[in-house]
């Protein structure tokens, strides 16, 4: 699988490229937003690893450009910015996952594998519950005459809820669906659910305090 690594730290980029190559990936590495766009126009990649602080711009803006163009490329953001509001902004911009530096090469590869699995399983999949239709591959939700763009994580959570309308989906079920056995921060699910609920119509989701969330039956 071909991976585009966008990272301007030379030593880190070299170490990540070597680890990914050892894991069986083909890696192209660039250090600027402009170079990343050029590579994406010339080459097909299965995923992109994207640093946020780049010499010619913010990686978050690059991600927004890709999503506005309808580019469904799976993106794993990597950054030293660990604040919750930064994570929310990056996920809202369309990142499939966020990994804060420092991290181990093993953790990066596990997260990347998870992102790739979700992307492959989402191909051409759509779900319908009541007046909602979710096109999972493109993160597009049709609800009450409106078309909403969800982040990949938000779309996957909503898909889980739509698969089991009327049932309570626990925090653990969501974590398992998104990350498998990979360890993640305890507040990640709260951040994702907050972003999803902001985009949905009032009353779409029900919170069962201390247990989880449910999508009422139509």
Protein backbone atom coordinates (compact mmCIF):
# COMPACT_ATOMS: atom_id res chain seq x y z
CA UNK A 1 0.00 0.00 0.00
CA UNK A 2 1.25 3.46 -0.90
CA UNK A 3 1.33 6.00 1.93
CA UNK A 4 2.03 9.73 1.68
CA UNK A 5 3.92 11.02 4.72
CA UNK A 6 3.76 14.79 5.17
CA UNK A 7 6.27 15.69 7.89
CA UNK A 8 8.94 18.42 7.99
CA UNK A 9 10.98 17.00 10.88
CA UNK A 10 13.74 15.28 8.91
CA UNK A 11 14.79 12.80 11.59
CA UNK A 12 11.22 11.84 12.49
CA UNK A 13 10.25 11.51 8.83
CA UNK A 14 13.20 9.21 8.20
CA UNK A 15 12.41 7.05 11.22
CA UNK A 16 8.72 6.77 10.30
CA UNK A 17 9.52 5.99 6.67
CA UNK A 18 11.83 3.17 7.73
CA UNK A 19 9.27 1.72 10.16
CA UNK A 20 6.47 1.87 7.60
CA UNK A 21 8.67 0.34 4.92
CA UNK A 22 9.59 -2.50 7.28
CA UNK A 23 5.86 -3.03 7.85
CA UNK A 24 5.31 -3.49 4.11
CA UNK A 25 4.18 -0.03 3.02
CA UNK A 26 5.52 2.03 0.14
CA UNK A 27 6.21 5.52 1.48
CA UNK A 28 6.59 8.88 -0.26
CA UNK A 29 7.71 11.64 2.09
CA UNK A 30 7.27 15.40 1.61
CA UNK A 31 7.67 18.33 3.99
CA UNK A 32 5.36 21.03 2.55
CA UNK A 33 1.66 21.43 1.81
CA UNK A 34 2.33 22.34 -1.80
CA UNK A 35 4.43 19.23 -2.36
CA UNK A 36 1.71 17.10 -0.77
CA UNK A 37 -0.91 18.46 -3.18
CA UNK A 38 1.38 17.80 -6.13
CA UNK A 39 1.93 14.20 -5.06
CA UNK A 40 -1.79 13.64 -4.53
CA UNK A 41 -2.47 14.86 -8.07
CA UNK A 42 0.17 12.61 -9.59
CA UNK A 43 -0.15 9.45 -7.49
CA UNK A 44 -2.88 7.31 -5.90
CA UNK A 45 -2.34 6.68 -2.20
CA UNK A 46 -4.17 4.45 0.25
CA UNK A 47 -3.66 6.89 3.15
CA UNK A 48 -1.85 10.03 4.26
CA UNK A 49 0.01 10.72 7.50
CA UNK A 50 -0.24 14.46 8.02
CA UNK A 51 1.69 16.70 10.37
CA UNK A 52 -0.04 19.97 11.26
CA UNK A 53 2.84 22.42 11.62
CA UNK A 54 4.33 22.66 8.12
CA UNK A 55 6.67 25.35 6.73
CA UNK A 56 4.22 26.68 4.13
CA UNK A 57 0.95 26.30 6.00
CA UNK A 58 -1.16 24.42 8.51
CA UNK A 59 -1.83 20.78 7.77
CA UNK A 60 -5.39 21.29 8.99
CA UNK A 61 -6.00 23.73 6.12
CA UNK A 62 -4.58 21.20 3.66
CA UNK A 63 -7.00 18.62 5.02
CA UNK A 64 -9.92 21.01 4.64
CA UNK A 65 -8.97 21.60 0.99
CA UNK A 66 -8.99 17.87 0.31
CA UNK A 67 -12.38 17.32 1.93
CA UNK A 68 -13.92 20.31 0.16
CA UNK A 69 -12.82 18.75 -3.12
CA UNK A 70 -14.54 15.50 -2.14
CA UNK A 71 -11.25 13.65 -1.64
CA UNK A 72 -12.04 10.58 0.56
CA UNK A 73 -8.37 9.69 1.16
CA UNK A 74 -7.97 8.31 4.72
CA UNK A 75 -5.90 10.76 6.80
CA UNK A 76 -4.15 10.12 10.11
CA UNK A 77 -3.09 13.46 11.63
CA UNK A 78 0.10 13.49 13.69
CA UNK A 79 1.05 16.49 15.79
CA UNK A 80 2.66 17.74 18.97
CA UNK A 81 -0.48 19.79 19.60
CA UNK A 82 -2.30 17.72 22.18
CA UNK A 83 -4.98 20.14 23.36
CA UNK A 84 -8.57 18.91 23.15
CA UNK A 85 -9.74 21.88 21.08
CA UNK A 86 -7.03 21.14 18.52
CA UNK A 87 -8.12 17.52 18.28
CA UNK A 88 -11.72 18.59 17.82
CA UNK A 89 -10.75 21.03 15.06
CA UNK A 90 -8.68 18.42 13.22
CA UNK A 91 -11.39 15.76 13.42
CA UNK A 92 -13.99 18.32 12.32
CA UNK A 93 -11.79 19.13 9.34
CA UNK A 94 -12.07 15.52 8.19
CA UNK A 95 -9.22 13.57 9.76
CA UNK A 96 -9.92 9.88 10.28
CA UNK A 97 -7.80 9.79 13.41
CA UNK A 98 -5.43 11.93 15.48
CA UNK A 99 -2.20 10.79 17.10
CA UNK A 100 -0.35 13.15 19.44
CA UNK A 101 3.45 13.21 19.50
CA UNK A 102 5.48 11.59 20.89
CA UNK A 103 4.29 8.14 19.85
CA UNK A 104 5.85 4.80 19.08
CA UNK A 105 6.15 3.44 15.56
CA UNK A 106 4.10 0.43 16.65
CA UNK A 107 1.22 2.63 17.79
CA UNK A 108 1.33 4.61 14.55
CA UNK A 109 1.16 1.45 12.45
CA UNK A 110 -1.74 0.07 14.51
CA UNK A 111 -3.68 3.32 14.10
CA UNK A 112 -2.93 3.36 10.38
CA UNK A 113 -4.12 -0.22 9.97
CA UNK A 114 -7.35 0.66 11.78
CA UNK A 115 -7.94 3.67 9.52
CA UNK A 116 -7.35 1.57 6.42
CA UNK A 117 -9.71 -1.20 7.56
CA UNK A 118 -12.51 1.25 8.20
CA UNK A 119 -11.98 2.91 4.84
CA UNK A 120 -12.13 -0.40 2.98
CA UNK A 121 -15.25 -1.61 4.81
CA UNK A 122 -17.04 1.69 4.15
CA UNK A 123 -16.85 1.41 0.38
CA UNK A 124 -20.22 2.24 -1.25
CA UNK A 125 -22.09 1.52 1.99
CA UNK A 126 -25.23 3.42 2.94
CA UNK A 127 -27.71 3.13 5.81
CA UNK A 128 -31.28 4.37 6.16
CA UNK A 129 -33.24 4.95 9.39
CA UNK A 130 -36.46 6.92 9.21
CA UNK A 131 -35.74 10.15 7.34
CA UNK A 132 -31.97 9.79 7.63
CA UNK A 133 -29.72 8.32 4.97
CA UNK A 134 -25.98 7.99 5.62
CA UNK A 135 -23.52 7.46 2.76
CA UNK A 136 -20.69 6.10 4.83
CA UNK A 137 -17.88 6.19 2.29
CA UNK A 138 -18.24 9.93 1.72
CA UNK A 139 -19.43 10.83 5.21
CA UNK A 140 -22.57 12.40 3.75
CA UNK A 141 -25.78 12.49 5.79
CA UNK A 142 -29.15 13.42 4.33
CA UNK A 143 -31.56 14.55 7.05
CA UNK A 144 -34.75 16.60 6.83
CA UNK A 145 -33.90 17.91 3.40
CA UNK A 146 -30.36 18.88 4.35
CA UNK A 147 -27.05 17.33 3.33
CA UNK A 148 -24.43 17.31 6.07
CA UNK A 149 -20.77 16.40 5.78
CA UNK A 150 -19.51 14.29 8.69
CA UNK A 151 -15.95 13.43 9.55
CA UNK A 152 -14.97 9.77 9.00
CA UNK A 153 -15.09 9.08 12.75
CA UNK A 154 -18.49 10.76 13.14
CA UNK A 155 -19.86 8.79 10.20
CA UNK A 156 -18.65 5.51 11.68
CA UNK A 157 -20.25 6.28 15.05
CA UNK A 158 -23.54 7.25 13.43
CA UNK A 159 -23.44 4.08 11.34
CA UNK A 160 -23.11 2.01 14.52
CA UNK A 161 -26.12 3.80 16.02
CA UNK A 162 -28.14 3.42 12.81
CA UNK A 163 -27.43 -0.31 12.68
CA UNK A 164 -29.12 -0.71 16.07
CA UNK A 165 -31.91 1.88 16.33
CA UNK A 166 -33.58 1.95 19.73
CA UNK A 167 -30.64 0.20 21.41
CA UNK A 168 -28.14 1.83 23.75
CA UNK A 169 -24.65 1.87 22.26
CA UNK A 170 -22.04 1.99 24.99
CA UNK A 171 -18.80 3.95 25.06
CA UNK A 172 -16.91 0.64 24.92
CA UNK A 173 -18.76 -0.47 21.78
CA UNK A 174 -17.85 2.78 20.05
CA UNK A 175 -14.21 2.52 21.12
CA UNK A 176 -14.06 -1.06 19.88
CA UNK A 177 -15.64 -0.11 16.54
CA UNK A 178 -13.27 2.78 15.93
CA UNK A 179 -10.00 1.58 17.42
CA UNK A 180 -10.19 -2.17 17.94
CA UNK A 181 -7.70 -3.15 20.63
CA UNK A 182 -5.69 0.06 20.31
CA UNK A 183 -5.52 2.08 23.53
CA UNK A 184 -6.93 5.63 23.21
CA UNK A 185 -7.44 8.54 25.61
CA UNK A 186 -10.59 8.21 27.71
CA UNK A 187 -12.02 11.53 26.49
CA UNK A 188 -11.68 10.81 22.77
CA UNK A 189 -15.18 9.34 22.50
CA UNK A 190 -16.68 12.36 24.29
CA UNK A 191 -14.94 14.69 21.84
CA UNK A 192 -16.26 12.75 18.86
CA UNK A 193 -19.80 12.54 20.21
CA UNK A 194 -19.80 16.27 20.94
CA UNK A 195 -18.85 17.00 17.32
CA UNK A 196 -21.47 14.61 15.96
CA UNK A 197 -24.32 15.96 18.09
CA UNK A 198 -23.57 19.54 17.02
CA UNK A 199 -24.25 18.55 13.41
CA UNK A 200 -27.42 16.53 13.94
CA UNK A 201 -30.94 17.86 14.37
CA UNK A 202 -32.09 18.32 17.96
CA UNK A 203 -33.46 15.12 19.40
CA UNK A 204 -31.70 12.85 16.89
CA UNK A 205 -29.62 11.19 19.59
CA UNK A 206 -30.54 10.32 23.16
CA UNK A 207 -27.88 10.30 25.89
CA UNK A 208 -28.21 7.69 28.60
CA UNK A 209 -26.01 9.22 31.26
CA UNK A 210 -23.20 6.97 32.39
CA UNK A 211 -24.14 4.27 29.87
CA UNK A 212 -24.05 5.48 26.27
CA UNK A 213 -26.18 6.83 23.44
CA UNK A 214 -29.08 5.66 21.32
CA UNK A 215 -30.84 6.57 18.09
CA UNK A 216 -34.61 6.40 18.67
CA UNK A 217 -36.55 4.04 16.43
CA UNK A 218 -38.40 5.88 13.62
